[in-house]
């Protein structure tokens, strides 16, 4: 029996990796804890042996307490080892969700928060469309007569003042101007007129605007019938119809199509170029301001019905107007008169033109009468 116990202990010590019986005994009794170098099997065996040691000690103590008891009393047996834990039971059925509680009373509103920082300024919006132009303002009051030989009569006509009771007209008036004498009028009626100049010009627009430092005085120009603009002979494409219209001038005696005072399209016109009229009511309002409107005033107002030129809606009164004679894209062209012409090799001469004397043979500048 002792030999078997020694063999059993030796086998256990071999499994545990402990050859010293005293060390093995202290390990089983719990006096020495398992080493960290032991594997899981060695640690399990040490725990089981320590459990058995506790059981044996408990059984021994229990036997001493039961000594001296009556013979009729049965000796209690040694408590057996605790069996292994059974498998975990199945999870029970989850209970039903409880009834949702009532909504609590809303709490009081908290104090207002601090004011936030000022936002960044937004991008400026686009400019709106231009408004419709209003009606033209009323005519100003007529000024007093100045120191002049003329006056305006009751019909708005400019007439000479009476010099004396016998002479009610002026025989002669002399105007001496060094550069130009300009009259801005829609219509001029003369019984007779005399000019010292020899050239009658008409304003035409270049198809290709020349540079500011380019001058083409004395050159023959040709009319593009598709757009009524002019070109030099070297600017005409192959195959285009070549038709000379006149010669570029510097200082014409008389010039047409200049539109000196305002934009050509200021007033609406019909297909023949006649200015369209519209009827307006002319009266003085309560503030003493002369008004012109298309609405008939109230019956208790004195008004006058007049016809005025109809303004083009595209006319912009605030834009500064520059007449064609002062713009680089326009030029006066002699269409009638006696003019000096620099004739290039490719130039064509109009059928009604008369070429006369040579002025500069090197530049081939000749005198031409255009009719």
Protein backbone atom coordinates (compact mmCIF):
# COMPACT_ATOMS: atom_id res chain seq x y z
CA UNK A 1 0.00 0.00 0.00
CA UNK A 2 2.87 2.35 0.83
CA UNK A 3 4.62 1.39 -2.34
CA UNK A 4 1.51 2.26 -4.37
CA UNK A 5 1.18 5.61 -2.62
CA UNK A 6 4.81 6.41 -3.29
CA UNK A 7 4.38 5.51 -6.96
CA UNK A 8 1.21 7.64 -7.18
CA UNK A 9 2.93 10.61 -5.58
CA UNK A 10 5.97 10.15 -7.81
CA UNK A 11 3.70 10.05 -10.88
CA UNK A 12 1.87 13.18 -9.77
CA UNK A 13 5.19 14.91 -9.08
CA UNK A 14 6.43 13.99 -12.55
CA UNK A 15 3.29 15.41 -14.15
CA UNK A 16 3.58 18.53 -12.02
CA UNK A 17 7.30 18.88 -12.83
CA UNK A 18 8.17 18.75 -9.03
CA UNK A 19 10.64 16.11 -7.85
CA UNK A 20 10.88 17.25 -4.20
CA UNK A 21 8.17 15.52 -2.04
CA UNK A 22 8.21 18.38 0.51
CA UNK A 23 7.57 20.97 -2.21
CA UNK A 24 4.82 18.80 -3.66
CA UNK A 25 3.24 18.46 -0.21
CA UNK A 26 3.24 22.23 0.39
CA UNK A 27 1.73 22.73 -3.06
CA UNK A 28 -1.13 20.30 -2.34
CA UNK A 29 -1.74 21.69 1.16
CA UNK A 30 -2.14 25.26 -0.18
CA UNK A 31 0.85 26.56 1.70
CA UNK A 32 2.56 27.32 -1.61
CA UNK A 33 0.57 28.77 -4.56
CA UNK A 34 0.94 27.31 -8.09
CA UNK A 35 3.93 28.64 -10.05
CA UNK A 36 3.35 30.90 -13.05
CA UNK A 37 5.54 28.55 -15.08
CA UNK A 38 2.91 25.75 -14.75
CA UNK A 39 0.61 25.02 -17.64
CA UNK A 40 -3.19 24.78 -17.36
CA UNK A 41 -3.17 20.99 -16.66
CA UNK A 42 -0.60 21.32 -13.84
CA UNK A 43 -2.57 24.20 -12.29
CA UNK A 44 -5.80 22.13 -12.47
CA UNK A 45 -4.19 19.11 -10.76
CA UNK A 46 -2.81 21.37 -8.01
CA UNK A 47 -6.30 22.84 -7.44
CA UNK A 48 -7.92 19.36 -7.26
CA UNK A 49 -5.32 18.08 -4.80
CA UNK A 50 -5.70 21.18 -2.64
CA UNK A 51 -9.49 20.60 -2.64
CA UNK A 52 -9.02 16.98 -1.56
CA UNK A 53 -6.71 18.11 1.27
CA UNK A 54 -9.44 20.43 2.55
CA UNK A 55 -12.00 17.64 2.38
CA UNK A 56 -9.77 15.28 4.33
CA UNK A 57 -9.18 17.88 7.07
CA UNK A 58 -12.91 18.54 7.35
CA UNK A 59 -13.69 14.83 7.64
CA UNK A 60 -11.11 14.36 10.38
CA UNK A 61 -12.54 17.23 12.45
CA UNK A 62 -16.06 15.97 12.04
CA UNK A 63 -15.04 12.53 13.34
CA UNK A 64 -13.65 14.02 16.57
CA UNK A 65 -16.83 15.97 17.26
CA UNK A 66 -18.97 12.83 16.94
CA UNK A 67 -16.98 10.80 19.57
CA UNK A 68 -19.01 10.19 22.80
CA UNK A 69 -22.37 10.38 21.07
CA UNK A 70 -24.95 7.66 21.78
CA UNK A 71 -24.66 4.31 20.09
CA UNK A 72 -28.18 4.75 18.65
CA UNK A 73 -27.01 7.80 16.73
CA UNK A 74 -25.66 6.99 13.37
CA UNK A 75 -22.24 8.20 12.46
CA UNK A 76 -22.42 10.81 9.71
CA UNK A 77 -20.58 9.93 6.58
CA UNK A 78 -17.88 11.93 4.92
CA UNK A 79 -19.24 14.60 2.54
CA UNK A 80 -18.64 13.67 -1.04
CA UNK A 81 -16.91 15.82 -3.62
CA UNK A 82 -19.02 18.43 -5.40
CA UNK A 83 -20.16 17.18 -8.75
CA UNK A 84 -19.38 19.02 -11.96
CA UNK A 85 -21.62 21.94 -12.89
CA UNK A 86 -24.46 21.00 -15.18
CA UNK A 87 -25.02 22.59 -18.57
CA UNK A 88 -26.58 26.06 -18.64
CA UNK A 89 -30.34 26.08 -19.06
CA UNK A 90 -32.17 27.58 -21.97
CA UNK A 91 -32.87 31.28 -21.88
CA UNK A 92 -36.37 32.02 -20.77
CA UNK A 93 -39.00 33.71 -22.89
CA UNK A 94 -38.55 37.51 -22.78
CA UNK A 95 -41.29 39.29 -20.93
CA UNK A 96 -43.73 41.65 -22.60
CA UNK A 97 -42.80 45.26 -22.93
CA UNK A 98 -44.40 47.39 -20.28
CA UNK A 99 -46.92 50.10 -20.99
CA UNK A 100 -45.35 53.40 -21.91
CA UNK A 101 -45.61 55.88 -19.13
CA UNK A 102 -47.40 59.19 -19.46
CA UNK A 103 -45.54 62.11 -20.89
CA UNK A 104 -44.11 64.32 -18.23
CA UNK A 105 -45.00 67.95 -17.79
CA UNK A 106 -42.95 70.26 -19.98
CA UNK A 107 -40.35 72.16 -18.02
CA UNK A 108 -40.19 75.91 -17.84
CA UNK A 109 -38.53 77.79 -20.66
CA UNK A 110 -34.95 78.61 -19.90
CA UNK A 111 -33.58 82.16 -20.02
CA UNK A 112 -32.69 83.54 -23.50
CA UNK A 113 -29.19 82.77 -24.69
CA UNK A 114 -26.54 85.35 -25.35
CA UNK A 115 -26.77 87.24 -28.63
CA UNK A 116 -24.66 85.62 -31.34
CA UNK A 117 -22.05 87.45 -33.38
CA UNK A 118 -23.20 89.54 -36.35
CA UNK A 119 -23.34 87.57 -39.60
CA UNK A 120 -21.18 88.30 -42.59
CA UNK A 121 -22.69 90.78 -45.05
CA UNK A 122 -24.18 89.03 -48.10
CA UNK A 123 -23.15 89.58 -51.68
CA UNK A 124 -24.70 92.61 -53.32
CA UNK A 125 -27.60 91.70 -55.62
CA UNK A 126 -27.57 92.30 -59.35
CA UNK A 127 -28.71 95.61 -60.71
CA UNK A 128 -32.35 95.56 -61.70
CA UNK A 129 -33.57 96.33 -65.22
CA UNK A 130 -33.61 99.93 -66.32
CA UNK A 131 -36.92 101.62 -65.73
CA UNK A 132 -39.11 103.05 -68.43
CA UNK A 133 -38.12 106.56 -69.39
CA UNK A 134 -40.55 109.25 -68.30
CA UNK A 135 -42.16 111.87 -70.47
CA UNK A 136 -40.04 114.81 -71.59
CA UNK A 137 -40.09 117.77 -69.27
CA UNK A 138 -42.06 120.86 -69.95
CA UNK A 139 -40.60 123.77 -71.86
CA UNK A 140 -39.02 126.49 -69.75
CA UNK A 141 -40.30 130.00 -69.58
CA UNK A 142 -39.30 132.39 -72.32
CA UNK A 143 -36.52 134.74 -71.31
CA UNK A 144 -36.50 138.47 -71.77
CA UNK A 145 -35.30 140.01 -74.99
CA UNK A 146 -31.56 140.46 -75.04
CA UNK A 147 -29.37 142.79 -77.01
CA UNK A 148 -30.14 141.26 -80.36
CA UNK A 149 -31.60 142.14 -83.70
CA UNK A 150 -34.04 139.24 -83.31
CA UNK A 151 -36.98 138.35 -81.12
CA UNK A 152 -39.50 135.53 -80.76
CA UNK A 153 -43.03 136.46 -81.76
CA UNK A 154 -46.27 135.12 -80.28
CA UNK A 155 -46.17 132.10 -82.61
CA UNK A 156 -42.67 131.04 -81.50
CA UNK A 157 -40.95 132.28 -84.65
CA UNK A 158 -37.60 134.09 -84.65
CA UNK A 159 -38.12 137.41 -86.41
CA UNK A 160 -36.00 140.58 -86.67
CA UNK A 161 -36.78 143.41 -84.29
CA UNK A 162 -38.15 146.65 -85.65
CA UNK A 163 -35.31 149.12 -85.99
CA UNK A 164 -37.71 152.02 -86.44
CA UNK A 165 -41.26 152.58 -87.52
CA UNK A 166 -40.36 152.80 -91.20
CA UNK A 167 -37.94 149.83 -91.50
CA UNK A 168 -39.35 146.55 -90.17
CA UNK A 169 -36.78 144.27 -91.78
CA UNK A 170 -33.01 143.93 -91.99
CA UNK A 171 -31.46 144.15 -95.41
CA UNK A 172 -28.10 142.48 -94.73
CA UNK A 173 -26.46 140.49 -91.96
CA UNK A 174 -22.79 139.51 -92.13
CA UNK A 175 -21.38 136.60 -90.11
CA UNK A 176 -17.63 136.14 -90.19
CA UNK A 177 -16.53 132.80 -88.67
CA UNK A 178 -12.99 131.51 -88.82
CA UNK A 179 -13.88 127.82 -88.43
CA UNK A 180 -17.54 126.84 -88.53
CA UNK A 181 -21.01 128.32 -88.18
CA UNK A 182 -23.41 125.72 -86.80
CA UNK A 183 -27.21 125.84 -86.89
CA UNK A 184 -29.14 123.08 -85.14
CA UNK A 185 -32.51 122.99 -86.83
CA UNK A 186 -34.88 120.38 -88.21
CA UNK A 187 -35.61 122.48 -91.27
CA UNK A 188 -34.07 125.55 -92.91
CA UNK A 189 -35.77 127.51 -95.71
CA UNK A 190 -33.71 129.93 -97.80
CA UNK A 191 -34.55 131.89 -100.90
CA UNK A 192 -30.92 131.77 -102.00
CA UNK A 193 -27.55 130.68 -100.64
CA UNK A 194 -23.95 131.06 -101.80
CA UNK A 195 -20.92 128.99 -100.70
CA UNK A 196 -17.27 129.59 -101.33
CA UNK A 197 -16.55 125.90 -100.73
CA UNK A 198 -16.40 123.36 -103.54
CA UNK A 199 -17.23 120.09 -101.78
CA UNK A 200 -20.51 118.61 -100.54
CA UNK A 201 -20.00 115.77 -98.05
CA UNK A 202 -22.08 112.96 -96.62
CA UNK A 203 -21.20 111.13 -93.39
CA UNK A 204 -20.48 107.41 -93.86
CA UNK A 205 -19.40 104.75 -91.37
CA UNK A 206 -16.26 102.65 -91.94
CA UNK A 207 -16.77 98.90 -92.08
CA UNK A 208 -13.31 98.52 -90.52
CA UNK A 209 -12.71 101.35 -88.05
CA UNK A 210 -9.31 102.98 -88.71
CA UNK A 211 -6.77 103.62 -85.99
CA UNK A 212 -6.59 107.07 -84.44
CA UNK A 213 -3.33 107.83 -86.28
CA UNK A 214 -4.60 106.71 -89.71
CA UNK A 215 -5.79 109.29 -92.24
CA UNK A 216 -7.31 108.49 -95.62
CA UNK A 217 -8.01 111.99 -96.95
CA UNK A 218 -8.26 112.00 -100.77
CA UNK A 219 -8.81 108.21 -101.04
CA UNK A 220 -11.65 106.73 -103.07
CA UNK A 221 -14.08 104.65 -100.98
CA UNK A 222 -16.55 101.95 -102.01
CA UNK A 223 -20.03 101.29 -100.60
CA UNK A 224 -21.01 97.89 -99.22
CA UNK A 225 -24.65 97.62 -100.23
CA UNK A 226 -25.39 95.02 -97.53
CA UNK A 227 -24.68 97.33 -94.60
CA UNK A 228 -24.21 100.83 -96.16
CA UNK A 229 -20.64 101.02 -94.84
CA UNK A 230 -17.52 102.02 -96.77
CA UNK A 231 -14.16 100.37 -97.50
CA UNK A 232 -10.91 101.16 -99.29
CA UNK A 233 -10.07 99.17 -102.42
CA UNK A 234 -7.52 97.02 -100.54
CA UNK A 235 -10.16 96.07 -97.93
CA UNK A 236 -12.56 94.57 -100.49
CA UNK A 237 -12.63 90.79 -100.77
CA UNK A 238 -12.26 89.00 -104.10
CA UNK A 239 -15.54 88.61 -105.91
CA UNK A 240 -17.29 91.57 -104.24
CA UNK A 241 -18.96 94.19 -106.41
CA UNK A 242 -16.77 97.31 -106.60
CA UNK A 243 -18.76 100.52 -106.75
CA UNK A 244 -17.07 103.86 -105.87
CA UNK A 245 -19.27 106.18 -103.83
CA UNK A 246 -16.98 109.20 -103.29
CA UNK A 247 -13.74 110.55 -101.86
CA UNK A 248 -12.75 110.98 -98.17
CA UNK A 249 -12.79 114.67 -97.16
CA UNK A 250 -11.18 116.63 -94.35
CA UNK A 251 -13.15 119.91 -94.41
CA UNK A 252 -16.36 119.67 -96.46
CA UNK A 253 -18.24 122.87 -97.30
CA UNK A 254 -21.59 121.27 -96.52
CA UNK A 255 -22.03 117.93 -94.75
CA UNK A 256 -25.14 115.76 -94.54
CA UNK A 257 -26.13 112.86 -92.25
CA UNK A 258 -24.08 114.20 -89.32
CA UNK A 259 -26.83 114.34 -86.65
CA UNK A 260 -25.12 117.16 -84.84
CA UNK A 261 -27.29 117.60 -81.75
CA UNK A 262 -28.60 114.17 -80.73
CA UNK A 263 -28.61 110.47 -81.51
CA UNK A 264 -30.21 109.57 -84.83
CA UNK A 265 -32.71 107.21 -83.15
CA UNK A 266 -33.89 109.64 -80.46
CA UNK A 267 -37.38 109.81 -81.99
CA UNK A 268 -39.49 106.99 -83.38
CA UNK A 269 -39.99 107.12 -87.17
CA UNK A 270 -42.00 105.34 -89.83
CA UNK A 271 -40.54 103.32 -92.70
CA UNK A 272 -39.79 106.53 -94.63
CA UNK A 273 -37.91 108.21 -91.80
CA UNK A 274 -40.71 110.60 -90.82
CA UNK A 275 -40.83 111.35 -87.08
CA UNK A 276 -43.91 109.95 -85.34
CA UNK A 277 -46.06 112.31 -83.27
CA UNK A 278 -48.22 111.76 -80.22
CA UNK A 279 -50.88 113.92 -78.60
CA UNK A 280 -50.35 115.19 -75.06
CA UNK A 281 -52.17 117.54 -72.69
CA UNK A 282 -50.31 120.64 -71.60
CA UNK A 283 -51.37 122.37 -68.37
CA UNK A 284 -50.11 123.99 -65.17
CA UNK A 285 -50.59 122.02 -61.94
CA UNK A 286 -51.38 123.36 -58.43
CA UNK A 287 -47.71 124.03 -57.73
CA UNK A 288 -47.40 126.20 -60.81
CA UNK A 289 -45.34 123.63 -62.77
CA UNK A 290 -45.99 123.17 -66.47
CA UNK A 291 -47.02 119.54 -67.12
CA UNK A 292 -47.30 117.48 -70.30
CA UNK A 293 -49.10 114.12 -70.01
CA UNK A 294 -51.00 111.66 -72.14
CA UNK A 295 -53.86 111.63 -69.61
CA UNK A 296 -56.60 114.18 -69.88
CA UNK A 297 -56.61 116.50 -66.84
CA UNK A 298 -59.70 117.03 -64.69
CA UNK A 299 -62.45 119.23 -66.04
CA UNK A 300 -61.66 122.11 -63.72
CA UNK A 301 -58.18 122.55 -65.23
CA UNK A 302 -57.29 124.61 -68.27
CA UNK A 303 -55.19 122.60 -70.67
CA UNK A 304 -53.95 122.68 -74.25
CA UNK A 305 -53.75 119.73 -76.66
CA UNK A 306 -50.41 119.65 -78.50
CA UNK A 307 -48.51 117.19 -80.71
CA UNK A 308 -44.92 116.31 -79.73
CA UNK A 309 -42.29 114.00 -81.16
CA UNK A 310 -42.51 110.46 -79.79
CA UNK A 311 -39.35 109.53 -77.87
CA UNK A 312 -37.68 106.19 -78.64
CA UNK A 313 -37.74 103.96 -75.48
CA UNK A 314 -34.10 103.02 -76.21
CA UNK A 315 -32.96 106.65 -76.00
CA UNK A 316 -30.81 107.29 -72.89
CA UNK A 317 -30.98 110.94 -71.97
CA UNK A 318 -28.10 110.71 -69.45
CA UNK A 319 -25.57 109.52 -72.04
CA UNK A 320 -23.35 112.23 -73.45
CA UNK A 321 -23.78 112.46 -77.22
CA UNK A 322 -20.84 112.99 -79.59
CA UNK A 323 -21.75 113.89 -83.17
CA UNK A 324 -20.48 111.76 -86.03
CA UNK A 325 -18.02 114.38 -87.31
CA UNK A 326 -16.01 113.98 -84.10
CA UNK A 327 -16.00 110.14 -84.02
CA UNK A 328 -13.27 108.05 -85.57
CA UNK A 329 -15.59 105.41 -87.05
CA UNK A 330 -17.35 108.03 -89.21
CA UNK A 331 -15.90 110.20 -91.99
CA UNK A 332 -17.24 112.78 -94.45
CA UNK A 333 -17.22 111.60 -98.07
CA UNK A 334 -17.47 113.96 -101.03
CA UNK A 335 -20.43 112.88 -103.16
CA UNK A 336 -20.56 116.08 -105.23
CA UNK A 337 -18.06 118.79 -106.11
CA UNK A 338 -14.47 119.40 -107.11
CA UNK A 339 -11.95 117.42 -105.04
CA UNK A 340 -8.30 116.28 -105.12
CA UNK A 341 -8.00 112.48 -105.33
CA UNK A 342 -5.07 110.11 -104.73
CA UNK A 343 -5.79 107.39 -107.29
CA UNK A 344 -4.32 103.95 -106.51
CA UNK A 345 -3.56 101.36 -109.19
CA UNK A 346 -6.53 99.13 -108.21
CA UNK A 347 -9.01 102.03 -107.83
CA UNK A 348 -12.11 102.37 -109.97
CA UNK A 349 -13.41 105.73 -111.22
CA UNK A 350 -17.12 106.49 -111.09
CA UNK A 351 -18.88 106.64 -114.46
CA UNK A 352 -20.03 110.24 -113.92
CA UNK A 353 -16.67 111.46 -112.57
CA UNK A 354 -14.47 113.75 -114.61
CA UNK A 355 -10.71 113.38 -114.06
CA UNK A 356 -8.83 116.58 -114.95
CA UNK A 357 -5.34 117.98 -114.30
CA UNK A 358 -2.48 116.27 -112.49
CA UNK A 359 -1.53 117.84 -109.14
CA UNK A 360 1.21 115.46 -107.88
CA UNK A 361 2.59 112.99 -110.39
CA UNK A 362 4.65 111.07 -107.78
CA UNK A 363 1.61 110.35 -105.59
CA UNK A 364 -0.76 110.31 -108.60
CA UNK A 365 -2.98 113.01 -107.08
CA UNK A 366 -5.39 114.42 -109.64
CA UNK A 367 -8.27 116.85 -109.66
CA UNK A 368 -11.63 115.09 -110.04
CA UNK A 369 -15.08 116.58 -110.50
CA UNK A 370 -17.72 114.32 -108.93
CA UNK A 371 -21.25 114.71 -110.21
